[in-house]
């Protein structure tokens, strides 16, 4: 029997990591995907992923990504890994409130305030960025007892180290940092 639909045959998980792929064209038709791993590739343009709203897990680590705005509508994501890219602005991720794991290590992030509205986070990893002020994370409703925030290797301010991290730890958050 031939497939008369324009949709590709159904599959829910796809891993094309460790490839030299640089163009995601065609993936926009894989709307049944719930897990996608395209780490360690040559990806810069995420626009073909914008309509993959069934995704719950997405690994885009170690690519050439600067613009994460195509991910803004992927509100079913529970895990998102964007380690080792060129991301500065995380504002487009602010609406991904179902995330419980967000990894943004090894980027160029300065402002963490767009991440302050997450309600389900259990792991937030922001190591090796350009973050000075972590105080916006203090009010994050999803960060509490038994949750983990990784902040090592950022140029954290003395206020972040002495006041804000202490407040997070006071709520039971395990904060890994490089403060003196």
N, C-alpha and C. Protein backbone atom coordinates (compact mmCIF):
# COMPACT_ATOMS: atom_id res chain seq x y z
N UNK A 1 0.85 -1.18 0.00
CA UNK A 1 0.00 0.00 0.00
C UNK A 1 0.89 1.24 0.00
N UNK A 2 0.63 2.16 -0.85
CA UNK A 2 1.47 3.36 -0.92
C UNK A 2 0.93 4.43 0.02
N UNK A 3 1.84 5.28 0.45
CA UNK A 3 1.49 6.39 1.32
C UNK A 3 1.02 7.54 0.45
N UNK A 4 -0.25 7.90 0.55
CA UNK A 4 -0.80 8.97 -0.27
C UNK A 4 -0.74 10.33 0.42
N UNK A 5 -0.35 10.32 1.68
CA UNK A 5 -0.25 11.55 2.43
C UNK A 5 1.07 12.26 2.12
N UNK A 6 1.11 13.55 2.38
CA UNK A 6 2.36 14.30 2.26
C UNK A 6 3.25 14.11 3.48
N UNK A 7 2.69 13.53 4.54
CA UNK A 7 3.46 13.30 5.76
C UNK A 7 4.35 12.09 5.60
N UNK A 8 5.55 12.13 6.21
CA UNK A 8 6.42 10.96 6.17
C UNK A 8 5.84 9.86 7.05
N UNK A 9 6.29 8.62 6.87
CA UNK A 9 5.81 7.54 7.73
C UNK A 9 6.03 7.90 9.19
N UNK A 10 5.13 7.46 10.07
CA UNK A 10 5.18 7.84 11.48
C UNK A 10 6.36 7.27 12.23
N UNK A 11 7.05 8.11 12.94
CA UNK A 11 8.05 7.71 13.91
C UNK A 11 8.11 8.83 14.94
N UNK A 12 8.45 8.48 16.16
CA UNK A 12 8.38 9.49 17.22
C UNK A 12 9.73 9.98 17.70
N UNK A 13 10.80 9.24 17.43
CA UNK A 13 12.13 9.64 17.88
C UNK A 13 13.10 9.64 16.71
N UNK A 14 13.96 10.65 16.70
CA UNK A 14 14.94 10.75 15.64
C UNK A 14 16.23 11.29 16.22
N UNK A 15 17.33 10.60 15.95
CA UNK A 15 18.65 11.07 16.35
C UNK A 15 19.53 11.15 15.11
N UNK A 16 19.97 12.35 14.82
CA UNK A 16 20.92 12.56 13.72
C UNK A 16 22.11 13.36 14.25
N UNK A 17 22.54 12.99 15.46
CA UNK A 17 23.69 13.67 16.06
C UNK A 17 24.99 13.15 15.46
N UNK A 18 26.05 13.90 15.73
CA UNK A 18 27.39 13.56 15.24
C UNK A 18 27.43 13.45 13.72
N UNK A 19 26.75 14.37 13.07
CA UNK A 19 26.75 14.41 11.61
C UNK A 19 27.21 15.79 11.16
N UNK A 20 27.40 15.96 9.91
CA UNK A 20 27.77 17.28 9.40
C UNK A 20 26.55 18.00 8.83
N UNK A 21 25.36 17.54 9.21
CA UNK A 21 24.12 18.14 8.70
C UNK A 21 24.08 19.64 9.07
N UNK A 22 23.68 20.45 8.12
CA UNK A 22 23.59 21.88 8.36
C UNK A 22 22.23 22.45 7.97
N UNK A 23 21.43 21.67 7.29
CA UNK A 23 20.13 22.13 6.80
C UNK A 23 19.03 21.20 7.31
N UNK A 24 18.10 21.74 8.06
CA UNK A 24 17.02 20.94 8.64
C UNK A 24 15.77 20.89 7.77
N UNK A 25 15.86 21.39 6.56
CA UNK A 25 14.70 21.37 5.66
C UNK A 25 14.17 19.94 5.53
N UNK A 26 12.88 19.82 5.59
CA UNK A 26 12.22 18.52 5.52
C UNK A 26 11.74 18.05 6.87
N UNK A 27 12.42 18.46 7.94
CA UNK A 27 11.99 18.05 9.27
C UNK A 27 10.65 18.67 9.66
N UNK A 28 10.30 19.77 9.03
CA UNK A 28 9.00 20.40 9.34
C UNK A 28 7.83 19.47 9.06
N UNK A 29 8.04 18.43 8.26
CA UNK A 29 6.99 17.47 7.93
C UNK A 29 6.90 16.33 8.95
N UNK A 30 7.83 16.26 9.87
CA UNK A 30 7.88 15.18 10.87
C UNK A 30 7.14 15.61 12.13
N UNK A 31 5.88 15.92 11.99
CA UNK A 31 5.09 16.50 13.07
C UNK A 31 4.76 15.52 14.19
N UNK A 32 4.99 14.22 13.98
CA UNK A 32 4.72 13.24 15.03
C UNK A 32 5.91 13.06 15.98
N UNK A 33 7.02 13.72 15.70
CA UNK A 33 8.21 13.56 16.54
C UNK A 33 7.95 14.05 17.96
N UNK A 34 8.36 13.24 18.94
CA UNK A 34 8.33 13.73 20.31
C UNK A 34 9.73 13.88 20.88
N UNK A 35 10.74 13.32 20.21
CA UNK A 35 12.12 13.43 20.67
C UNK A 35 13.04 13.60 19.46
N UNK A 36 13.91 14.60 19.54
CA UNK A 36 14.81 14.90 18.43
C UNK A 36 16.18 15.27 18.97
N UNK A 37 17.21 14.60 18.46
CA UNK A 37 18.59 14.87 18.84
C UNK A 37 19.40 15.21 17.59
N UNK A 38 19.82 16.46 17.52
CA UNK A 38 20.65 16.91 16.39
C UNK A 38 21.91 17.56 16.97
N UNK A 39 22.45 16.98 18.01
CA UNK A 39 23.64 17.54 18.65
C UNK A 39 24.89 17.23 17.83
N UNK A 40 25.92 18.03 18.09
CA UNK A 40 27.22 17.86 17.44
C UNK A 40 27.09 17.84 15.91
N UNK A 41 26.44 18.86 15.40
CA UNK A 41 26.26 18.99 13.95
C UNK A 41 26.66 20.39 13.53
N UNK A 42 26.12 20.86 12.44
CA UNK A 42 26.46 22.19 11.90
C UNK A 42 25.22 23.05 11.72
N UNK A 43 24.30 22.98 12.65
CA UNK A 43 23.01 23.66 12.54
C UNK A 43 23.12 25.10 13.03
N UNK A 44 22.56 26.02 12.26
CA UNK A 44 22.44 27.42 12.66
C UNK A 44 20.98 27.87 12.60
N UNK A 45 20.24 27.42 11.58
CA UNK A 45 18.86 27.85 11.35
C UNK A 45 17.88 26.82 11.90
N UNK A 46 17.09 27.23 12.89
CA UNK A 46 16.12 26.33 13.52
C UNK A 46 14.71 26.47 12.97
N UNK A 47 14.51 27.32 11.98
CA UNK A 47 13.15 27.60 11.50
C UNK A 47 12.37 26.35 11.06
N UNK A 48 12.98 25.31 10.50
CA UNK A 48 12.18 24.12 10.16
C UNK A 48 11.59 23.39 11.38
N UNK A 49 12.08 23.71 12.58
CA UNK A 49 11.58 23.05 13.79
C UNK A 49 10.38 23.77 14.40
N UNK A 50 10.07 24.96 13.94
CA UNK A 50 9.06 25.82 14.57
C UNK A 50 7.69 25.18 14.71
N UNK A 51 7.32 24.31 13.81
CA UNK A 51 5.99 23.69 13.86
C UNK A 51 5.95 22.31 14.49
N UNK A 52 7.05 21.86 15.05
CA UNK A 52 7.09 20.51 15.64
C UNK A 52 6.62 20.57 17.09
N UNK A 53 5.36 20.89 17.25
CA UNK A 53 4.80 21.16 18.58
C UNK A 53 4.57 19.90 19.41
N UNK A 54 4.76 18.73 18.85
CA UNK A 54 4.65 17.49 19.63
C UNK A 54 5.94 17.15 20.36
N UNK A 55 7.01 17.86 20.06
CA UNK A 55 8.29 17.57 20.70
C UNK A 55 8.22 17.77 22.21
N UNK A 56 8.72 16.78 22.95
CA UNK A 56 8.89 16.92 24.40
C UNK A 56 10.36 16.96 24.77
N UNK A 57 11.22 16.40 23.93
CA UNK A 57 12.65 16.41 24.18
C UNK A 57 13.41 16.87 22.95
N UNK A 58 14.34 17.82 23.15
CA UNK A 58 15.09 18.36 22.03
C UNK A 58 16.53 18.63 22.46
N UNK A 59 17.47 18.01 21.76
CA UNK A 59 18.89 18.23 22.03
C UNK A 59 19.53 18.86 20.80
N UNK A 60 19.97 20.09 20.95
CA UNK A 60 20.62 20.84 19.88
C UNK A 60 22.01 21.30 20.32
N UNK A 61 22.61 20.55 21.22
CA UNK A 61 23.91 20.92 21.75
C UNK A 61 25.01 20.87 20.70
N UNK A 62 25.97 21.78 20.87
CA UNK A 62 27.17 21.83 20.05
C UNK A 62 26.87 21.99 18.57
N UNK A 63 26.24 23.11 18.27
CA UNK A 63 25.95 23.52 16.90
C UNK A 63 26.39 24.97 16.76
N UNK A 64 25.78 25.71 15.87
CA UNK A 64 26.13 27.11 15.62
C UNK A 64 24.90 28.01 15.78
N UNK A 65 24.09 27.71 16.75
CA UNK A 65 22.80 28.37 16.95
C UNK A 65 22.97 29.67 17.73
N UNK A 66 22.43 30.74 17.20
CA UNK A 66 22.40 32.02 17.89
C UNK A 66 20.95 32.43 18.17
N UNK A 67 20.05 32.16 17.23
CA UNK A 67 18.65 32.57 17.33
C UNK A 67 17.77 31.39 17.72
N UNK A 68 17.20 31.46 18.92
CA UNK A 68 16.32 30.38 19.39
C UNK A 68 14.83 30.71 19.23
N UNK A 69 14.52 31.81 18.56
CA UNK A 69 13.11 32.21 18.41
C UNK A 69 12.24 31.16 17.72
N UNK A 70 12.76 30.34 16.79
CA UNK A 70 11.89 29.32 16.21
C UNK A 70 11.40 28.27 17.23
N UNK A 71 12.00 28.22 18.40
CA UNK A 71 11.60 27.25 19.42
C UNK A 71 10.48 27.76 20.31
N UNK A 72 10.10 29.02 20.17
CA UNK A 72 9.14 29.66 21.08
C UNK A 72 7.79 28.97 21.14
N UNK A 73 7.35 28.33 20.06
CA UNK A 73 6.03 27.70 20.04
C UNK A 73 6.06 26.23 20.49
N UNK A 74 7.22 25.73 20.85
CA UNK A 74 7.34 24.31 21.22
C UNK A 74 7.04 24.13 22.71
N UNK A 75 5.82 24.46 23.08
CA UNK A 75 5.43 24.53 24.49
C UNK A 75 5.26 23.18 25.16
N UNK A 76 5.33 22.09 24.42
CA UNK A 76 5.28 20.76 25.04
C UNK A 76 6.65 20.26 25.47
N UNK A 77 7.70 21.01 25.16
CA UNK A 77 9.04 20.58 25.56
C UNK A 77 9.15 20.45 27.07
N UNK A 78 9.72 19.34 27.51
CA UNK A 78 10.04 19.16 28.93
C UNK A 78 11.55 19.16 29.15
N UNK A 79 12.31 18.80 28.13
CA UNK A 79 13.77 18.88 28.21
C UNK A 79 14.30 19.58 26.96
N UNK A 80 15.21 20.51 27.18
CA UNK A 80 15.81 21.26 26.09
C UNK A 80 17.29 21.44 26.38
N UNK A 81 18.12 20.96 25.47
CA UNK A 81 19.56 21.07 25.62
C UNK A 81 20.12 21.91 24.47
N UNK A 82 20.73 23.02 24.83
CA UNK A 82 21.31 23.96 23.87
C UNK A 82 22.76 24.29 24.24
N UNK A 83 23.45 23.34 24.79
CA UNK A 83 24.83 23.52 25.25
C UNK A 83 25.75 23.77 24.07
N UNK A 84 26.72 24.66 24.25
CA UNK A 84 27.77 24.85 23.27
C UNK A 84 27.34 25.48 21.97
N UNK A 85 26.57 26.54 22.05
CA UNK A 85 26.15 27.27 20.86
C UNK A 85 26.61 28.72 20.98
N UNK A 86 25.92 29.64 20.34
CA UNK A 86 26.29 31.06 20.37
C UNK A 86 25.11 31.91 20.83
N UNK A 87 24.34 31.40 21.75
CA UNK A 87 23.11 32.05 22.20
C UNK A 87 23.41 33.17 23.18
N UNK A 88 22.82 34.33 22.91
CA UNK A 88 22.91 35.47 23.80
C UNK A 88 21.55 35.73 24.44
N UNK A 89 20.51 35.74 23.62
CA UNK A 89 19.16 36.10 24.05
C UNK A 89 18.29 34.87 24.25
N UNK A 90 17.85 34.64 25.49
CA UNK A 90 16.99 33.50 25.79
C UNK A 90 15.52 33.90 25.95
N UNK A 91 15.21 35.14 25.62
CA UNK A 91 13.84 35.63 25.73
C UNK A 91 12.83 34.74 25.01
N UNK A 92 13.12 34.22 23.81
CA UNK A 92 12.14 33.37 23.13
C UNK A 92 11.80 32.07 23.89
N UNK A 93 12.60 31.70 24.84
CA UNK A 93 12.34 30.47 25.61
C UNK A 93 11.41 30.70 26.79
N UNK A 94 11.08 31.94 27.08
CA UNK A 94 10.31 32.28 28.28
C UNK A 94 8.95 31.59 28.35
N UNK A 95 8.34 31.28 27.23
CA UNK A 95 7.03 30.65 27.24
C UNK A 95 7.05 29.13 27.33
N UNK A 96 8.22 28.54 27.43
CA UNK A 96 8.34 27.08 27.48
C UNK A 96 8.24 26.60 28.93
N UNK A 97 7.11 26.88 29.53
CA UNK A 97 6.94 26.66 30.97
C UNK A 97 6.79 25.20 31.38
N UNK A 98 6.70 24.28 30.44
CA UNK A 98 6.65 22.86 30.79
C UNK A 98 8.04 22.26 30.99
N UNK A 99 9.08 23.04 30.71
CA UNK A 99 10.44 22.53 30.86
C UNK A 99 10.73 22.15 32.30
N UNK A 100 11.29 20.97 32.48
CA UNK A 100 11.82 20.62 33.79
C UNK A 100 13.35 20.53 33.75
N UNK A 101 13.90 20.44 32.56
CA UNK A 101 15.36 20.42 32.41
C UNK A 101 15.74 21.35 31.26
N UNK A 102 16.58 22.34 31.57
CA UNK A 102 17.04 23.30 30.58
C UNK A 102 18.54 23.45 30.72
N UNK A 103 19.27 23.09 29.67
CA UNK A 103 20.72 23.17 29.69
C UNK A 103 21.20 24.19 28.65
N UNK A 104 21.86 25.24 29.15
CA UNK A 104 22.32 26.34 28.31
C UNK A 104 23.80 26.65 28.54
N UNK A 105 24.57 25.67 28.97
CA UNK A 105 25.99 25.88 29.22
C UNK A 105 26.73 26.29 27.95
N UNK A 106 27.86 26.94 28.14
CA UNK A 106 28.77 27.25 27.03
C UNK A 106 28.12 28.06 25.92
N UNK A 107 27.45 29.14 26.32
CA UNK A 107 26.88 30.09 25.37
C UNK A 107 27.40 31.47 25.73
N UNK A 108 26.70 32.52 25.36
CA UNK A 108 27.11 33.90 25.64
C UNK A 108 26.01 34.65 26.39
N UNK A 109 25.23 33.94 27.18
CA UNK A 109 24.06 34.50 27.88
C UNK A 109 24.52 35.45 28.99
N UNK A 110 23.87 36.60 29.04
CA UNK A 110 24.12 37.59 30.08
C UNK A 110 22.89 37.72 30.97
N UNK A 111 21.73 37.85 30.37
CA UNK A 111 20.47 38.14 31.08
C UNK A 111 19.66 36.87 31.30
N UNK A 112 19.46 36.49 32.57
CA UNK A 112 18.68 35.29 32.89
C UNK A 112 17.24 35.63 33.26
N UNK A 113 16.86 36.90 33.26
CA UNK A 113 15.51 37.26 33.67
C UNK A 113 14.40 36.60 32.84
N UNK A 114 14.60 36.31 31.54
CA UNK A 114 13.53 35.61 30.81
C UNK A 114 13.26 34.20 31.34
N UNK A 115 14.16 33.66 32.13
CA UNK A 115 13.99 32.30 32.66
C UNK A 115 13.28 32.29 34.02
N UNK A 116 12.93 33.45 34.53
CA UNK A 116 12.38 33.56 35.88
C UNK A 116 10.94 33.07 36.01
N UNK A 117 10.24 32.84 34.92
CA UNK A 117 8.84 32.43 35.02
C UNK A 117 8.59 30.94 34.96
N UNK A 118 9.63 30.15 34.88
CA UNK A 118 9.46 28.70 34.77
C UNK A 118 8.89 28.12 36.06
N UNK A 119 7.90 27.26 35.91
CA UNK A 119 7.22 26.69 37.07
C UNK A 119 7.55 25.23 37.33
N UNK A 120 8.16 24.54 36.37
CA UNK A 120 8.41 23.10 36.53
C UNK A 120 9.88 22.72 36.55
N UNK A 121 10.78 23.69 36.51
CA UNK A 121 12.20 23.38 36.43
C UNK A 121 12.68 22.57 37.62
N UNK A 122 13.47 21.54 37.34
CA UNK A 122 14.20 20.83 38.38
C UNK A 122 15.69 20.94 38.15
N UNK A 123 16.10 21.17 36.90
CA UNK A 123 17.50 21.34 36.56
C UNK A 123 17.65 22.51 35.59
N UNK A 124 18.48 23.47 35.99
CA UNK A 124 18.80 24.61 35.14
C UNK A 124 20.31 24.73 35.10
N UNK A 125 20.89 24.54 33.94
CA UNK A 125 22.34 24.57 33.81
C UNK A 125 22.77 25.75 32.93
N UNK A 126 23.53 26.65 33.52
CA UNK A 126 23.96 27.88 32.86
C UNK A 126 25.47 28.09 32.98
N UNK A 127 26.22 27.04 33.11
CA UNK A 127 27.67 27.16 33.31
C UNK A 127 28.34 27.77 32.08
N UNK A 128 29.40 28.51 32.35
CA UNK A 128 30.27 29.07 31.33
C UNK A 128 29.49 29.94 30.32
N UNK A 129 28.89 30.97 30.86
CA UNK A 129 28.24 32.01 30.07
C UNK A 129 28.86 33.34 30.49
N UNK A 130 28.13 34.42 30.35
CA UNK A 130 28.60 35.75 30.74
C UNK A 130 27.67 36.36 31.79
N UNK A 131 27.10 35.51 32.62
CA UNK A 131 26.08 35.92 33.60
C UNK A 131 26.74 36.60 34.81
N UNK A 132 26.26 37.79 35.12
CA UNK A 132 26.73 38.55 36.27
C UNK A 132 25.68 38.52 37.37
N UNK A 133 24.41 38.70 36.98
CA UNK A 133 23.30 38.84 37.92
C UNK A 133 22.36 37.64 37.86
N UNK A 134 22.32 36.85 38.93
CA UNK A 134 21.39 35.71 38.99
C UNK A 134 20.18 36.01 39.87
N UNK A 135 20.08 37.23 40.35
CA UNK A 135 18.97 37.59 41.24
C UNK A 135 17.59 37.37 40.63
N UNK A 136 17.39 37.54 39.31
CA UNK A 136 16.07 37.24 38.75
C UNK A 136 15.62 35.80 38.97
N UNK A 137 16.56 34.89 39.17
CA UNK A 137 16.19 33.48 39.39
C UNK A 137 15.63 33.22 40.78
N UNK A 138 15.85 34.14 41.70
CA UNK A 138 15.37 33.95 43.08
C UNK A 138 13.86 33.80 43.11
N UNK A 139 13.15 34.52 42.27
CA UNK A 139 11.69 34.46 42.25
C UNK A 139 11.11 33.38 41.36
N UNK A 140 11.95 32.54 40.78
CA UNK A 140 11.46 31.50 39.87
C UNK A 140 10.63 30.49 40.65
N UNK A 141 9.32 30.39 40.35
CA UNK A 141 8.44 29.51 41.13
C UNK A 141 8.79 28.03 41.02
N UNK A 142 9.45 27.63 39.96
CA UNK A 142 9.75 26.21 39.78
C UNK A 142 11.03 25.76 40.46
N UNK A 143 11.79 26.68 41.02
CA UNK A 143 13.04 26.30 41.68
C UNK A 143 12.84 26.27 43.18
N UNK A 144 12.92 25.06 43.74
CA UNK A 144 12.79 24.91 45.18
C UNK A 144 13.54 23.67 45.64
N UNK A 145 13.14 23.12 46.73
CA UNK A 145 13.84 22.01 47.36
C UNK A 145 14.14 20.88 46.38
N UNK A 146 15.36 20.40 46.39
CA UNK A 146 15.88 19.30 45.59
C UNK A 146 16.15 19.66 44.13
N UNK A 147 15.93 20.90 43.74
CA UNK A 147 16.25 21.34 42.39
C UNK A 147 17.72 21.76 42.32
N UNK A 148 18.26 21.79 41.10
CA UNK A 148 19.67 22.07 40.90
C UNK A 148 19.85 23.20 39.89
N UNK A 149 20.71 24.15 40.22
CA UNK A 149 21.09 25.22 39.31
C UNK A 149 22.61 25.23 39.23
N UNK A 150 23.13 25.10 38.01
CA UNK A 150 24.57 25.12 37.78
C UNK A 150 24.97 26.49 37.23
N UNK A 151 25.85 27.18 37.96
CA UNK A 151 26.26 28.53 37.58
C UNK A 151 27.78 28.69 37.50
N UNK A 152 28.52 27.63 37.61
CA UNK A 152 29.99 27.73 37.62
C UNK A 152 30.51 28.42 36.36
N UNK A 153 31.66 29.08 36.54
CA UNK A 153 32.40 29.69 35.45
C UNK A 153 31.66 30.83 34.76
N UNK A 154 30.93 31.60 35.57
CA UNK A 154 30.31 32.84 35.12
C UNK A 154 30.93 33.97 35.95
N UNK A 155 31.00 35.19 35.41
CA UNK A 155 31.55 36.32 36.17
C UNK A 155 30.50 36.91 37.12
N UNK A 156 30.04 36.11 38.07
CA UNK A 156 28.96 36.50 38.97
C UNK A 156 29.37 37.68 39.87
N UNK A 157 28.43 38.60 40.05
CA UNK A 157 28.68 39.76 40.92
C UNK A 157 28.73 39.32 42.37
N UNK A 158 29.26 40.20 43.21
CA UNK A 158 29.30 39.88 44.64
C UNK A 158 27.89 39.78 45.21
N UNK A 159 26.95 40.59 44.71
CA UNK A 159 25.56 40.49 45.17
C UNK A 159 24.96 39.14 44.79
N UNK A 160 25.24 38.68 43.58
CA UNK A 160 24.75 37.36 43.18
C UNK A 160 25.30 36.29 44.12
N UNK A 161 26.58 36.40 44.44
CA UNK A 161 27.23 35.39 45.28
C UNK A 161 26.78 35.43 46.73
N UNK A 162 26.67 36.64 47.30
CA UNK A 162 26.40 36.74 48.73
C UNK A 162 24.93 36.83 49.10
N UNK A 163 24.10 37.30 48.18
CA UNK A 163 22.68 37.49 48.50
C UNK A 163 21.80 36.50 47.73
N UNK A 164 21.87 36.54 46.42
CA UNK A 164 20.90 35.79 45.61
C UNK A 164 21.11 34.28 45.65
N UNK A 165 22.36 33.85 45.56
CA UNK A 165 22.61 32.41 45.65
C UNK A 165 22.24 31.90 47.04
N UNK A 166 22.52 32.70 48.05
CA UNK A 166 22.15 32.34 49.42
C UNK A 166 20.63 32.20 49.55
N UNK A 167 19.89 33.08 48.89
CA UNK A 167 18.42 32.99 48.93
C UNK A 167 17.92 31.73 48.23
N UNK A 168 18.52 31.41 47.09
CA UNK A 168 18.14 30.17 46.40
C UNK A 168 18.44 28.95 47.27
N UNK A 169 19.61 28.93 47.87
CA UNK A 169 19.98 27.82 48.74
C UNK A 169 19.06 27.74 49.95
N UNK A 170 18.60 28.89 50.43
CA UNK A 170 17.66 28.93 51.55
C UNK A 170 16.32 28.29 51.21
N UNK A 171 15.99 28.24 49.93
CA UNK A 171 14.75 27.59 49.47
C UNK A 171 14.98 26.11 49.20
N UNK A 172 16.20 25.62 49.43
CA UNK A 172 16.49 24.22 49.22
C UNK A 172 17.08 23.89 47.86
N UNK A 173 17.37 24.92 47.06
CA UNK A 173 17.95 24.71 45.73
C UNK A 173 19.44 24.41 45.90
N UNK A 174 19.90 23.39 45.22
CA UNK A 174 21.33 23.06 45.20
C UNK A 174 21.97 23.90 44.10
N UNK A 175 22.79 24.88 44.48
CA UNK A 175 23.40 25.79 43.53
C UNK A 175 24.90 25.49 43.44
N UNK A 176 25.33 25.12 42.26
CA UNK A 176 26.74 24.88 41.99
C UNK A 176 27.32 26.15 41.39
N UNK A 177 28.30 26.76 42.08
CA UNK A 177 28.82 28.05 41.63
C UNK A 177 30.31 28.13 41.90
N UNK A 178 30.93 29.20 41.41
CA UNK A 178 32.37 29.43 41.58
C UNK A 178 32.63 30.64 42.47
N UNK A 179 31.68 31.00 43.27
CA UNK A 179 31.86 32.17 44.14
C UNK A 179 32.89 31.86 45.23
N UNK A 180 33.60 32.92 45.64
CA UNK A 180 34.59 32.70 46.72
C UNK A 180 33.93 32.37 48.04
